[in-house]
Every structure is written in C-alpha cells, then in structure tokens.
Amino acid sequence: MTFLRWLETAFLFPGDIVVQKLGVTVEEDGGILRSFINMCVWGVVTGTIAFYAL
C-alpha cells in the first residue's frame, strides 16, 4: 500500500503545488484546478515521451 500512496502523491504533486501557491483550498476549488494542472503537466510528459519513442 505504501507504493500506491507514493504513486498517488507523485501524480498529484504538480496540481498540489499550484493550488498551494495560489492559496486555494481543496474545498474552495473542488479539485478542478488541480485536475487541470495535472492533466496539462502529465499530458506534456506523456506526449514528449511518445514523440521521442516514435
């Protein structure tokens, strides 16, 4: 279970940092901003890996 907890923390890290820097709580945001940031960051990472793999 510790591996899954670490994996969850790693995937949510970019969004958590942005939300903390903006001073927005999860209750105020509802997770929308955090999800958007995570989608953008991991989309770029995945796209870059796919581009270089081809």
Protein backbone atom coordinates (compact mmCIF):
# COMPACT_ATOMS: atom_id res chain seq x y z
CA MET A 1 0.00 0.00 0.00
CA THR A 2 2.88 2.39 0.56
CA PHE A 3 3.78 2.13 -3.12
CA LEU A 4 0.27 3.12 -4.13
CA ARG A 5 0.32 6.04 -1.69
CA TRP A 6 3.65 7.19 -3.12
CA LEU A 7 2.30 6.84 -6.68
CA GLU A 8 -0.78 8.89 -5.81
CA THR A 9 1.35 11.62 -4.23
CA ALA A 10 3.66 11.72 -7.25
CA PHE A 11 0.81 12.06 -9.77
CA LEU A 12 -0.99 14.77 -7.80
CA PHE A 13 2.17 16.73 -6.94
CA PRO A 14 2.08 19.33 -9.77
CA GLY A 15 -1.53 20.30 -9.08
CA ASP A 16 -1.00 20.37 -5.33
CA ILE A 17 1.93 22.78 -5.68
CA VAL A 18 -0.05 25.20 -7.88
CA VAL A 19 -3.07 25.14 -5.57
CA GLN A 20 -0.83 25.79 -2.54
CA LYS A 21 0.98 28.66 -4.28
CA LEU A 22 -2.34 30.28 -5.18
CA GLY A 23 -3.61 29.84 -1.63
CA VAL A 24 -6.71 27.93 -2.71
CA THR A 25 -8.08 25.16 -0.51
CA VAL A 26 -9.43 21.91 -1.92
CA GLU A 27 -12.88 22.81 -0.58
CA GLU A 28 -12.88 26.11 -2.49
CA ASP A 29 -11.54 24.60 -5.68
CA GLY A 30 -13.36 21.28 -5.75
CA GLY A 31 -10.32 19.72 -7.43
CA ILE A 32 -10.98 21.35 -10.81
CA LEU A 33 -7.84 23.49 -10.91
CA ARG A 34 -5.68 20.69 -9.53
CA SER A 35 -7.05 18.26 -12.11
CA PHE A 36 -6.47 20.73 -14.95
CA ILE A 37 -2.86 21.36 -13.93
CA ASN A 38 -2.17 17.65 -13.53
CA MET A 39 -3.72 16.92 -16.93
CA CYS A 40 -1.56 19.57 -18.60
CA VAL A 41 1.68 18.51 -16.92
CA TRP A 42 1.28 14.77 -17.42
CA GLY A 43 -0.07 15.31 -20.95
CA VAL A 44 3.10 17.15 -21.91
CA VAL A 45 5.27 14.50 -20.27
CA THR A 46 3.42 11.66 -21.98
CA GLY A 47 3.36 13.47 -25.33
CA THR A 48 7.08 14.14 -25.16
CA ILE A 49 7.85 10.51 -24.37
CA ALA A 50 5.58 9.33 -27.20
CA PHE A 51 7.14 11.80 -29.64
CA TYR A 52 10.68 10.62 -28.91
CA ALA A 53 9.64 6.95 -28.90
CA LEU A 54 8.44 7.18 -32.50
